[in-house]
Amino acid sequence: MSFDNDPLWRLRHALAGILLALLLSLLPAALLGGWLGDRFGESYGARVACYGALLLYLVVGAVVLVVRVAPHETRPLSPRRALRWLLSLWLWPALLAAQGRRPPAA
């Protein structure tokens, strides 16, 4: 059985990096959501809403990374690459902004 033509197999390094970044982001999102909830509402509902918004932000970022970056990622996952995925997951709007300013290909 050959995996060469399977698109998910070709994306395995990127998908593993994104999944690891999502898992590593759960605790910081919970802490940040709790802090923001205390700042804005000082209630459990406000903390949950902030945490939920951060989780939505991260999931949307994961989808953006899968669509925009993952097809070009071929290197195996390493600690350095995992850190890059983690930072990319939190800073994905900057990725979209940078791609928007790029001149069109000739």
N, C-alpha and C. Protein backbone atom coordinates (compact mmCIF):
# COMPACT_ATOMS: atom_id res chain seq x y z
N MET A 1 0.85 -1.18 0.00
CA MET A 1 0.00 0.00 0.00
C MET A 1 0.89 1.24 0.00
N SER A 2 0.62 2.14 -0.92
CA SER A 2 1.42 3.34 -1.07
C SER A 2 0.62 4.55 -0.58
N PHE A 3 1.29 5.36 0.20
CA PHE A 3 0.65 6.57 0.73
C PHE A 3 1.03 7.81 -0.07
N ASP A 4 1.79 7.64 -1.16
CA ASP A 4 2.30 8.79 -1.90
C ASP A 4 1.19 9.66 -2.49
N ASN A 5 0.07 9.08 -2.87
CA ASN A 5 -1.01 9.85 -3.48
C ASN A 5 -2.06 10.32 -2.49
N ASP A 6 -1.92 9.96 -1.24
CA ASP A 6 -2.89 10.35 -0.23
C ASP A 6 -2.59 11.77 0.25
N PRO A 7 -3.53 12.73 0.06
CA PRO A 7 -3.25 14.11 0.46
C PRO A 7 -3.06 14.28 1.96
N LEU A 8 -3.77 13.49 2.76
CA LEU A 8 -3.58 13.60 4.21
C LEU A 8 -2.21 13.10 4.63
N TRP A 9 -1.70 12.10 3.94
CA TRP A 9 -0.37 11.60 4.27
C TRP A 9 0.69 12.65 3.97
N ARG A 10 0.50 13.39 2.88
CA ARG A 10 1.45 14.45 2.53
C ARG A 10 1.38 15.60 3.53
N LEU A 11 0.23 15.79 4.17
CA LEU A 11 0.06 16.87 5.14
C LEU A 11 0.32 16.43 6.57
N ARG A 12 0.81 15.22 6.77
CA ARG A 12 0.91 14.65 8.12
C ARG A 12 1.77 15.48 9.05
N HIS A 13 2.87 16.02 8.57
CA HIS A 13 3.74 16.83 9.45
C HIS A 13 3.04 18.12 9.86
N ALA A 14 2.38 18.75 8.90
CA ALA A 14 1.68 20.00 9.21
C ALA A 14 0.49 19.73 10.13
N LEU A 15 -0.27 18.69 9.84
CA LEU A 15 -1.43 18.38 10.69
C LEU A 15 -1.00 18.03 12.11
N ALA A 16 0.09 17.30 12.24
CA ALA A 16 0.59 16.98 13.59
C ALA A 16 1.03 18.25 14.31
N GLY A 17 1.68 19.16 13.59
CA GLY A 17 2.11 20.42 14.20
C GLY A 17 0.94 21.28 14.63
N ILE A 18 -0.09 21.34 13.80
CA ILE A 18 -1.27 22.15 14.14
C ILE A 18 -2.02 21.53 15.31
N LEU A 19 -2.16 20.22 15.30
CA LEU A 19 -2.83 19.55 16.42
C LEU A 19 -2.07 19.75 17.72
N LEU A 20 -0.77 19.62 17.68
CA LEU A 20 0.04 19.84 18.88
C LEU A 20 -0.08 21.29 19.34
N ALA A 21 -0.07 22.23 18.40
CA ALA A 21 -0.21 23.64 18.76
C ALA A 21 -1.57 23.91 19.41
N LEU A 22 -2.61 23.27 18.89
CA LEU A 22 -3.94 23.43 19.50
C LEU A 22 -3.96 22.88 20.92
N LEU A 23 -3.38 21.72 21.11
CA LEU A 23 -3.35 21.12 22.45
C LEU A 23 -2.55 21.98 23.42
N LEU A 24 -1.42 22.49 22.97
CA LEU A 24 -0.58 23.33 23.83
C LEU A 24 -1.22 24.69 24.11
N SER A 25 -2.19 25.09 23.29
CA SER A 25 -2.84 26.38 23.45
C SER A 25 -4.02 26.36 24.41
N LEU A 26 -4.46 25.18 24.80
CA LEU A 26 -5.65 25.11 25.67
C LEU A 26 -5.42 25.78 27.02
N LEU A 27 -4.31 25.49 27.67
CA LEU A 27 -4.05 26.09 28.98
C LEU A 27 -3.82 27.60 28.89
N PRO A 28 -2.98 28.09 27.97
CA PRO A 28 -2.86 29.55 27.87
C PRO A 28 -4.18 30.25 27.53
N ALA A 29 -5.00 29.61 26.69
CA ALA A 29 -6.30 30.21 26.36
C ALA A 29 -7.20 30.25 27.59
N ALA A 30 -7.16 29.21 28.40
CA ALA A 30 -7.97 29.19 29.62
C ALA A 30 -7.51 30.28 30.60
N LEU A 31 -6.21 30.40 30.77
CA LEU A 31 -5.68 31.42 31.68
C LEU A 31 -5.98 32.83 31.17
N LEU A 32 -5.77 33.05 29.88
CA LEU A 32 -6.05 34.36 29.29
C LEU A 32 -7.55 34.65 29.31
N GLY A 33 -8.37 33.64 29.02
CA GLY A 33 -9.82 33.82 29.07
C GLY A 33 -10.30 34.16 30.47
N GLY A 34 -9.73 33.50 31.47
CA GLY A 34 -10.09 33.81 32.85
C GLY A 34 -9.68 35.22 33.23
N TRP A 35 -8.50 35.61 32.82
CA TRP A 35 -8.01 36.96 33.14
C TRP A 35 -8.87 38.02 32.45
N LEU A 36 -9.15 37.80 31.15
CA LEU A 36 -9.98 38.76 30.42
C LEU A 36 -11.40 38.81 30.98
N GLY A 37 -11.93 37.64 31.35
CA GLY A 37 -13.27 37.60 31.93
C GLY A 37 -13.34 38.35 33.24
N ASP A 38 -12.29 38.25 34.04
CA ASP A 38 -12.25 39.01 35.29
C ASP A 38 -12.14 40.51 35.04
N ARG A 39 -11.44 40.87 33.98
CA ARG A 39 -11.28 42.29 33.65
C ARG A 39 -12.58 42.91 33.17
N PHE A 40 -13.35 42.16 32.37
CA PHE A 40 -14.53 42.72 31.72
C PHE A 40 -15.82 42.46 32.47
N GLY A 41 -15.94 41.31 33.15
CA GLY A 41 -17.23 41.03 33.73
C GLY A 41 -17.19 40.54 35.16
N GLU A 42 -16.06 40.05 35.59
CA GLU A 42 -15.90 39.52 36.94
C GLU A 42 -16.96 38.49 37.29
N SER A 43 -17.33 37.67 36.30
CA SER A 43 -18.29 36.60 36.55
C SER A 43 -17.83 35.35 35.80
N TYR A 44 -18.39 34.23 36.23
CA TYR A 44 -18.06 32.97 35.58
C TYR A 44 -18.48 33.00 34.11
N GLY A 45 -19.62 33.57 33.83
CA GLY A 45 -20.11 33.67 32.45
C GLY A 45 -19.18 34.46 31.56
N ALA A 46 -18.62 35.54 32.09
CA ALA A 46 -17.68 36.35 31.32
C ALA A 46 -16.41 35.58 31.04
N ARG A 47 -15.92 34.83 32.03
CA ARG A 47 -14.72 34.02 31.82
C ARG A 47 -14.96 32.94 30.77
N VAL A 48 -16.12 32.28 30.85
CA VAL A 48 -16.45 31.24 29.87
C VAL A 48 -16.58 31.84 28.47
N ALA A 49 -17.21 33.00 28.37
CA ALA A 49 -17.37 33.65 27.07
C ALA A 49 -16.02 34.02 26.47
N CYS A 50 -15.13 34.53 27.28
CA CYS A 50 -13.79 34.89 26.79
C CYS A 50 -13.01 33.65 26.37
N TYR A 51 -13.09 32.60 27.18
CA TYR A 51 -12.41 31.35 26.84
C TYR A 51 -13.00 30.77 25.55
N GLY A 52 -14.30 30.79 25.42
CA GLY A 52 -14.94 30.29 24.20
C GLY A 52 -14.53 31.09 22.97
N ALA A 53 -14.46 32.40 23.12
CA ALA A 53 -14.03 33.25 22.01
C ALA A 53 -12.59 32.95 21.62
N LEU A 54 -11.73 32.74 22.61
CA LEU A 54 -10.34 32.40 22.32
C LEU A 54 -10.24 31.03 21.64
N LEU A 55 -11.04 30.07 22.08
CA LEU A 55 -11.03 28.76 21.43
C LEU A 55 -11.50 28.87 19.99
N LEU A 56 -12.53 29.66 19.75
CA LEU A 56 -13.00 29.87 18.38
C LEU A 56 -11.91 30.52 17.53
N TYR A 57 -11.24 31.51 18.09
CA TYR A 57 -10.12 32.16 17.41
C TYR A 57 -9.04 31.15 17.04
N LEU A 58 -8.72 30.24 17.95
CA LEU A 58 -7.68 29.24 17.68
C LEU A 58 -8.13 28.22 16.64
N VAL A 59 -9.37 27.81 16.68
CA VAL A 59 -9.86 26.84 15.70
C VAL A 59 -9.90 27.48 14.31
N VAL A 60 -10.35 28.72 14.22
CA VAL A 60 -10.33 29.42 12.93
C VAL A 60 -8.89 29.55 12.45
N GLY A 61 -7.98 29.86 13.36
CA GLY A 61 -6.57 29.94 12.99
C GLY A 61 -6.02 28.61 12.50
N ALA A 62 -6.44 27.52 13.12
CA ALA A 62 -6.00 26.20 12.67
C ALA A 62 -6.49 25.92 11.26
N VAL A 63 -7.73 26.29 10.98
CA VAL A 63 -8.27 26.10 9.62
C VAL A 63 -7.50 26.95 8.62
N VAL A 64 -7.22 28.19 8.97
CA VAL A 64 -6.45 29.07 8.08
C VAL A 64 -5.07 28.47 7.83
N LEU A 65 -4.43 27.96 8.86
CA LEU A 65 -3.10 27.37 8.68
C LEU A 65 -3.16 26.11 7.82
N VAL A 66 -4.20 25.31 7.99
CA VAL A 66 -4.32 24.10 7.16
C VAL A 66 -4.48 24.49 5.70
N VAL A 67 -5.29 25.52 5.44
CA VAL A 67 -5.56 25.91 4.05
C VAL A 67 -4.38 26.65 3.43
N ARG A 68 -3.78 27.58 4.17
CA ARG A 68 -2.76 28.45 3.60
C ARG A 68 -1.33 27.93 3.71
N VAL A 69 -1.00 27.26 4.80
CA VAL A 69 0.39 26.92 5.06
C VAL A 69 0.68 25.43 4.92
N ALA A 70 -0.22 24.60 5.40
CA ALA A 70 0.04 23.16 5.45
C ALA A 70 0.41 22.53 4.11
N PRO A 71 -0.20 22.92 3.00
CA PRO A 71 0.18 22.28 1.74
C PRO A 71 1.64 22.50 1.35
N HIS A 72 2.27 23.51 1.91
CA HIS A 72 3.66 23.82 1.58
C HIS A 72 4.65 23.27 2.60
N GLU A 73 4.16 22.69 3.66
CA GLU A 73 5.02 22.19 4.74
C GLU A 73 5.39 20.73 4.46
N THR A 74 6.67 20.47 4.34
CA THR A 74 7.13 19.11 4.05
C THR A 74 8.14 18.59 5.08
N ARG A 75 8.66 19.47 5.90
CA ARG A 75 9.67 19.04 6.87
C ARG A 75 9.04 18.33 8.06
N PRO A 76 9.74 17.35 8.62
CA PRO A 76 9.19 16.63 9.78
C PRO A 76 9.04 17.55 10.99
N LEU A 77 8.15 17.15 11.86
CA LEU A 77 7.89 17.92 13.08
C LEU A 77 9.06 17.80 14.04
N SER A 78 9.51 18.92 14.54
CA SER A 78 10.58 18.98 15.53
C SER A 78 10.13 19.97 16.60
N PRO A 79 10.84 20.04 17.72
CA PRO A 79 10.45 21.03 18.74
C PRO A 79 10.44 22.46 18.20
N ARG A 80 11.41 22.78 17.37
CA ARG A 80 11.46 24.13 16.80
C ARG A 80 10.28 24.37 15.86
N ARG A 81 9.93 23.38 15.06
CA ARG A 81 8.80 23.50 14.14
C ARG A 81 7.48 23.58 14.94
N ALA A 82 7.40 22.81 16.03
CA ALA A 82 6.19 22.85 16.86
C ALA A 82 6.02 24.24 17.48
N LEU A 83 7.10 24.85 17.90
CA LEU A 83 7.03 26.22 18.44
C LEU A 83 6.57 27.19 17.35
N ARG A 84 7.05 27.00 16.15
CA ARG A 84 6.64 27.85 15.03
C ARG A 84 5.14 27.69 14.74
N TRP A 85 4.65 26.44 14.81
CA TRP A 85 3.22 26.22 14.61
C TRP A 85 2.42 26.89 15.73
N LEU A 86 2.92 26.79 16.95
CA LEU A 86 2.23 27.40 18.09
C LEU A 86 2.14 28.92 17.92
N LEU A 87 3.24 29.53 17.56
CA LEU A 87 3.24 30.99 17.34
C LEU A 87 2.35 31.37 16.16
N SER A 88 2.40 30.57 15.11
CA SER A 88 1.56 30.85 13.94
C SER A 88 0.08 30.74 14.27
N LEU A 89 -0.24 29.80 15.14
CA LEU A 89 -1.64 29.62 15.52
C LEU A 89 -2.17 30.85 16.26
N TRP A 90 -1.36 31.45 17.10
CA TRP A 90 -1.80 32.63 17.84
C TRP A 90 -1.73 33.90 17.00
N LEU A 91 -0.85 33.92 16.00
CA LEU A 91 -0.63 35.14 15.21
C LEU A 91 -1.15 35.02 13.78
N TRP A 92 -2.11 34.14 13.54
CA TRP A 92 -2.58 33.90 12.17
C TRP A 92 -3.15 35.12 11.48
N PRO A 93 -3.75 36.11 12.14
CA PRO A 93 -4.20 37.29 11.38
C PRO A 93 -3.04 38.04 10.71
N ALA A 94 -1.87 38.01 11.33
CA ALA A 94 -0.71 38.65 10.72
C ALA A 94 -0.31 37.92 9.44
N LEU A 95 -0.49 36.61 9.42
CA LEU A 95 -0.21 35.83 8.22
C LEU A 95 -1.13 36.26 7.09
N LEU A 96 -2.40 36.41 7.38
CA LEU A 96 -3.35 36.85 6.36
C LEU A 96 -3.05 38.27 5.90
N ALA A 97 -2.68 39.14 6.82
CA ALA A 97 -2.36 40.52 6.46
C ALA A 97 -1.13 40.58 5.57
N ALA A 98 -0.13 39.76 5.88
CA ALA A 98 1.10 39.74 5.09
C ALA A 98 0.83 39.19 3.70
N GLN A 99 -0.05 38.19 3.59
CA GLN A 99 -0.37 37.64 2.28
C GLN A 99 -1.20 38.61 1.46
N GLY A 100 -1.97 39.44 2.12
CA GLY A 100 -2.79 40.42 1.42
C GLY A 100 -1.97 41.54 0.80
N ARG A 101 -0.82 41.84 1.38
CA ARG A 101 0.05 42.92 0.88
C ARG A 101 1.01 42.45 -0.19
N ARG A 102 1.09 41.14 -0.40
CA ARG A 102 2.02 40.59 -1.38
C ARG A 102 1.58 40.96 -2.80
N PRO A 103 2.51 41.41 -3.67
CA PRO A 103 2.12 41.74 -5.04
C PRO A 103 1.72 40.47 -5.79
N PRO A 104 0.82 40.59 -6.77
CA PRO A 104 0.39 39.42 -7.51
C PRO A 104 1.53 38.80 -8.31
N ALA A 105 1.46 37.48 -8.45
CA ALA A 105 2.51 36.77 -9.21
C ALA A 105 2.37 37.09 -10.70
N ALA A 106 3.50 37.23 -11.34
CA ALA A 106 3.49 37.58 -12.77
C ALA A 106 3.26 36.37 -13.64
